[in-house]
C-alpha cells in the first residue's frame, strides 16, 4: 500500500465509522425512549438495550484502533513520514473521543429524563398510597423517598413510621445517579474538554491542574445533587469525593510532570 493509498483508506474508514456511530446513536435514542414507555417506566430493559449500544460502539472504536495499528501506522513509519503519522493518529484519536462524547451526552439525556419520569411517578404513588395509621390522611412524604424515617400526620399529629418498599429502594441508585448527572452535565462536559486538552498537551502541568479543577468541580456538584435527593449521603461525602478523583490521580501518578 502506498502512502497516498494508506491515508485515503484511513480517511474513508474514519468517515464510515463516524456515519455508523451516528446511525447507532440515532436509532438508540428512539428505541430506548420507546422501551421505557412500553415497559411502564421499568428502567431495566432500557439499560440492557443501552449496554448493547455500548458494545456496538466499542466494536467501532476497536476497528479504528486495530486498522491504525495493523495497516496504517506501519506504512507511514516505513516511509519515515513521522509528521504524517502523528497527524493521522490524531485524526483517529479525535474521532474516538468525539464518539465517546456523543455517547455520553445521549446517555446523560436519555437516562436523566427517564429518572425524572420515574422519580415523579414514585412520588405520585407515595402521595396516593402512604397514609396515616390513625386517621388515614395522606402523609407528607415529600421528596425524601428512599430512606425510612418518622413522619408526622398533618391532620391528627400522630407520628408514623415511613419505610420505602422494595421497589422504591431498588430504584434509589438509578434515580439519584442519573438525576445528578443530568443536573451537572455542563460541569461534566467542562471536565471532558479539560481532559481532552490535557491529553493533547503531553506532560503540561498547567493543563493537568486545569483538568484536576474541572473534575473536582464536577465531582463535588454531582455528589451535592445526590445529597439533595438523599441527605444521608452527606455522611460519606469526603470518601465519595476521593473515590470520584482516584482514577485521575492514579493515571497522573505515572507522569513525571505531575506535581500534586
Protein backbone atom coordinates (compact mmCIF):
# COMPACT_ATOMS: atom_id res chain seq x y z
CA UNK A 1 0.00 0.00 0.00
CA UNK A 2 1.39 3.40 -0.97
CA UNK A 3 1.47 6.35 1.41
CA UNK A 4 -1.32 8.09 -0.51
CA UNK A 5 -3.44 4.94 -0.56
CA UNK A 6 -2.93 4.47 3.17
CA UNK A 7 -4.11 7.98 4.02
CA UNK A 8 -7.05 7.74 1.62
CA UNK A 9 -8.05 4.39 3.12
CA UNK A 10 -7.73 5.79 6.64
CA UNK A 11 -9.93 8.80 5.85
CA UNK A 12 -12.55 6.53 4.29
CA UNK A 13 -12.59 4.30 7.37
CA UNK A 14 -12.96 7.25 9.73
CA UNK A 15 -15.87 8.63 7.70
CA UNK A 16 -17.51 5.19 7.62
CA UNK A 17 -17.15 4.73 11.38
CA UNK A 18 -18.44 8.25 12.07
CA UNK A 19 -21.58 7.62 9.99
CA UNK A 20 -22.15 4.19 11.53
CA UNK A 21 -21.86 5.58 15.07
CA UNK A 22 -24.30 8.38 14.27
CA UNK A 23 -26.82 5.84 12.96
CA UNK A 24 -26.43 3.67 16.07
CA UNK A 25 -26.99 6.61 18.43
CA UNK A 26 -29.95 7.97 16.46
CA UNK A 27 -31.64 4.58 16.50
CA UNK A 28 -30.80 4.06 20.18
CA UNK A 29 -32.36 7.38 21.18
CA UNK A 30 -35.72 6.39 19.73
CA UNK A 31 -35.56 2.75 20.83
CA UNK A 32 -34.62 3.44 24.45
CA UNK A 33 -37.36 6.05 24.89
CA UNK A 34 -39.88 3.64 23.38
CA UNK A 35 -38.78 0.82 25.68
CA UNK A 36 -39.29 2.98 28.74
CA UNK A 37 -42.89 3.62 27.74
CA UNK A 38 -43.58 0.03 26.70
CA UNK A 39 -42.25 -1.34 29.99
CA UNK A 40 -44.22 1.06 32.20
CA UNK A 41 -41.15 3.07 33.26
CA UNK A 42 -39.13 -0.02 34.20
CA UNK A 43 -35.54 1.14 33.50
CA UNK A 44 -34.03 -2.35 33.23
CA UNK A 45 -34.94 -3.11 29.59
CA UNK A 46 -33.72 0.35 28.60
CA UNK A 47 -30.47 -0.21 30.49
CA UNK A 48 -29.97 -3.58 28.78
CA UNK A 49 -30.56 -2.00 25.38
CA UNK A 50 -28.03 0.70 26.18
CA UNK A 51 -25.45 -1.97 27.09
CA UNK A 52 -25.88 -3.37 23.59
CA UNK A 53 -25.36 0.13 22.15
CA UNK A 54 -22.12 0.46 24.09
CA UNK A 55 -20.96 -2.89 22.73
CA UNK A 56 -21.65 -1.77 19.16
CA UNK A 57 -19.76 1.49 19.64
CA UNK A 58 -16.86 -0.32 21.27
CA UNK A 59 -16.67 -2.52 18.18
CA UNK A 60 -16.34 0.59 16.00
CA UNK A 61 -13.58 2.17 18.10
CA UNK A 62 -11.76 -1.17 18.22
CA UNK A 63 -11.93 -1.31 14.43
CA UNK A 64 -10.34 2.15 14.20
CA UNK A 65 -7.55 1.27 16.61
CA UNK A 66 -6.85 -2.11 15.02
CA UNK A 67 -6.81 -0.71 11.48
CA UNK A 68 -4.41 2.02 12.55
CA UNK A 69 -2.07 -0.37 14.32
CA UNK A 70 -2.05 -3.11 11.68
CA UNK A 71 -2.44 -1.28 8.36
CA UNK A 72 -1.85 2.47 8.50
CA UNK A 73 0.86 3.11 11.06
CA UNK A 74 3.31 0.57 9.53
CA UNK A 75 3.03 2.22 6.08
CA UNK A 76 3.70 5.72 7.44
CA UNK A 77 6.60 4.58 9.58
CA UNK A 78 8.14 2.55 6.78
CA UNK A 79 8.07 5.71 4.64
CA UNK A 80 9.57 7.62 7.61
CA UNK A 81 6.71 10.11 7.44
CA UNK A 82 6.55 10.72 11.16
CA UNK A 83 4.74 14.06 10.96
CA UNK A 84 2.08 12.46 8.78
CA UNK A 85 1.91 9.55 11.19
CA UNK A 86 1.28 11.82 14.16
CA UNK A 87 -1.29 13.89 12.26
CA UNK A 88 -3.21 10.84 11.08
CA UNK A 89 -3.09 9.28 14.53
CA UNK A 90 -4.58 12.47 15.95
CA UNK A 91 -7.44 12.25 13.46
CA UNK A 92 -8.28 8.79 14.72
CA UNK A 93 -8.00 9.82 18.35
CA UNK A 94 -10.23 12.84 17.73
CA UNK A 95 -12.91 10.66 16.14
CA UNK A 96 -12.86 8.16 19.00
CA UNK A 97 -13.10 10.96 21.51
CA UNK A 98 -16.00 12.56 19.63
CA UNK A 99 -17.86 9.25 19.53
CA UNK A 100 -17.36 8.79 23.27
CA UNK A 101 -18.54 12.35 23.96
CA UNK A 102 -21.64 11.92 21.78
CA UNK A 103 -22.43 8.65 23.55
CA UNK A 104 -22.02 10.27 26.97
CA UNK A 105 -24.24 13.20 26.04
CA UNK A 106 -27.01 10.95 24.79
CA UNK A 107 -26.73 8.67 27.82
CA UNK A 108 -26.98 11.58 30.25
CA UNK A 109 -30.01 12.99 28.44
CA UNK A 110 -31.86 9.70 27.93
CA UNK A 111 -31.32 8.33 31.40
CA UNK A 112 -31.74 11.71 33.07
CA UNK A 113 -35.19 12.15 31.54
CA UNK A 114 -36.05 8.55 32.43
CA UNK A 115 -35.02 9.19 36.04
CA UNK A 116 -37.12 12.37 36.15
CA UNK A 117 -40.19 10.50 34.95
CA UNK A 118 -39.59 7.59 37.28
CA UNK A 119 -38.94 9.81 40.29
CA UNK A 120 -42.14 11.77 39.61
CA UNK A 121 -44.10 8.52 39.35
CA UNK A 122 -42.66 7.21 42.62
CA UNK A 123 -43.63 10.45 44.39
CA UNK A 124 -47.15 10.31 42.98
CA UNK A 125 -47.53 6.69 44.10
CA UNK A 126 -46.40 7.54 47.62
CA UNK A 127 -48.74 10.52 47.85
CA UNK A 128 -51.58 8.20 46.89
CA UNK A 129 -50.61 5.15 48.95
CA UNK A 130 -48.86 6.31 52.13
CA UNK A 131 -51.48 7.05 54.78
CA UNK A 132 -51.58 7.83 58.47
CA UNK A 133 -52.18 4.69 60.54
CA UNK A 134 -54.52 6.63 62.82
CA UNK A 135 -56.73 8.83 60.62
CA UNK A 136 -55.76 7.59 57.13
CA UNK A 137 -54.88 11.06 55.89
CA UNK A 138 -52.15 11.33 53.25
CA UNK A 139 -48.71 11.71 54.81
CA UNK A 140 -46.36 14.46 53.56
CA UNK A 141 -43.52 12.21 52.46
CA UNK A 142 -42.24 14.94 50.13
CA UNK A 143 -39.14 14.29 48.05
CA UNK A 144 -37.36 12.05 50.54
CA UNK A 145 -38.46 8.74 49.09
CA UNK A 146 -35.56 6.42 49.70
CA UNK A 147 -34.96 6.35 53.47
CA UNK A 148 -37.04 5.19 56.43
CA UNK A 149 -37.99 7.93 58.88
CA UNK A 150 -40.73 9.27 61.16
CA UNK A 151 -43.43 11.39 59.51
CA UNK A 152 -45.98 13.42 61.43
CA UNK A 153 -49.56 13.44 60.18
CA UNK A 154 -50.73 16.99 59.35
CA UNK A 155 -54.30 16.11 60.38
CA UNK A 156 -54.05 14.27 63.70
CA UNK A 157 -50.36 14.86 64.51
CA UNK A 158 -49.76 11.13 65.00
CA UNK A 159 -46.16 10.14 64.25
CA UNK A 160 -45.93 7.40 61.63
CA UNK A 161 -43.03 5.18 60.66
CA UNK A 162 -42.37 5.53 56.94
CA UNK A 163 -40.24 2.97 55.11
CA UNK A 164 -39.89 2.73 51.32
CA UNK A 165 -40.92 -0.59 49.82
CA UNK A 166 -38.55 -2.88 47.94
CA UNK A 167 -39.45 -1.36 44.56
CA UNK A 168 -38.56 2.17 45.68
CA UNK A 169 -35.36 1.01 47.38
CA UNK A 170 -34.26 -0.84 44.25
CA UNK A 171 -34.61 2.34 42.18
CA UNK A 172 -32.61 4.59 44.51
CA UNK A 173 -29.30 4.33 42.65
CA UNK A 174 -30.86 4.75 39.21
CA UNK A 175 -32.77 7.87 40.19
CA UNK A 176 -30.04 9.52 42.26
CA UNK A 177 -27.21 8.82 39.83
CA UNK A 178 -28.98 9.86 36.65
CA UNK A 179 -30.74 12.88 38.13
CA UNK A 180 -27.39 14.10 39.48
CA UNK A 181 -25.70 13.55 36.13
CA UNK A 182 -28.44 15.45 34.32
CA UNK A 183 -28.19 18.38 36.71
CA UNK A 184 -24.39 18.58 36.41
CA UNK A 185 -23.92 17.79 32.72
CA UNK A 186 -22.46 21.24 31.93
CA UNK A 187 -19.73 20.68 34.50
CA UNK A 188 -19.16 17.18 33.17
CA UNK A 189 -18.67 18.50 29.64
CA UNK A 190 -16.27 21.13 31.01
CA UNK A 191 -14.31 18.29 32.58
CA UNK A 192 -14.27 16.37 29.28
CA UNK A 193 -12.96 19.46 27.48
CA UNK A 194 -10.24 19.98 30.10
CA UNK A 195 -9.28 16.32 29.97
CA UNK A 196 -9.06 16.44 26.18
CA UNK A 197 -6.80 19.48 26.33
CA UNK A 198 -4.63 17.74 28.91
CA UNK A 199 -4.22 14.68 26.70
CA UNK A 200 -3.30 16.82 23.71
CA UNK A 201 -0.70 18.67 25.81
CA UNK A 202 1.62 15.91 26.89
CA UNK A 203 3.14 16.47 30.35
CA UNK A 204 1.79 20.03 30.57
CA UNK A 205 1.39 20.64 34.30
CA UNK A 206 -0.91 23.63 33.80
CA UNK A 207 -3.26 21.51 31.66
CA UNK A 208 -3.16 18.76 34.28
CA UNK A 209 -4.07 21.20 37.04
CA UNK A 210 -6.91 22.65 34.96
CA UNK A 211 -8.28 19.14 34.39
CA UNK A 212 -7.98 18.41 38.10
CA UNK A 213 -10.01 21.53 38.97
CA UNK A 214 -12.64 20.70 36.37
CA UNK A 215 -13.03 17.12 37.58
CA UNK A 216 -13.25 18.17 41.22
CA UNK A 217 -15.86 20.83 40.39
CA UNK A 218 -17.95 18.22 38.61
CA UNK A 219 -17.49 15.59 41.32
CA UNK A 220 -18.49 18.00 44.10
CA UNK A 221 -21.58 19.17 42.23
CA UNK A 222 -22.59 15.60 41.34
CA UNK A 223 -22.32 14.45 44.96
CA UNK A 224 -24.19 17.55 46.18
CA UNK A 225 -27.00 16.81 43.72
CA UNK A 226 -27.28 13.29 45.13
CA UNK A 227 -27.33 14.63 48.68
CA UNK A 228 -30.24 16.90 47.75
CA UNK A 229 -32.22 13.73 46.99
CA UNK A 230 -30.88 11.54 49.82
CA UNK A 231 -29.46 13.76 52.60
CA UNK A 232 -27.90 10.71 54.29
CA UNK A 233 -25.25 10.65 51.55
CA UNK A 234 -23.64 13.70 53.16
CA UNK A 235 -22.06 11.45 55.81
CA UNK A 236 -19.84 9.84 53.15
CA UNK A 237 -19.18 12.95 51.05
CA UNK A 238 -15.41 13.10 51.66
CA UNK A 239 -14.93 9.39 50.98
CA UNK A 240 -17.09 9.55 47.86
CA UNK A 241 -15.17 12.57 46.57
CA UNK A 242 -11.88 10.74 46.96
CA UNK A 243 -13.39 7.82 45.10
CA UNK A 244 -14.50 10.05 42.21
CA UNK A 245 -10.99 11.54 41.93
CA UNK A 246 -8.98 8.36 42.46
CA UNK A 247 -8.74 7.26 38.81
CA UNK A 248 -7.42 10.69 37.81
CA UNK A 249 -4.65 10.72 40.39
CA UNK A 250 -3.75 7.11 39.64
CA UNK A 251 -3.29 7.94 35.97
CA UNK A 252 -1.36 11.16 36.56
CA UNK A 253 0.85 9.44 39.10
CA UNK A 254 2.53 7.74 36.14
CA UNK A 255 3.57 11.10 34.66
CA UNK A 256 6.92 12.57 35.67
CA UNK A 257 5.49 16.08 35.13
CA UNK A 258 2.69 15.73 37.68
CA UNK A 259 3.01 17.63 40.96
CA UNK A 260 0.13 17.29 43.48
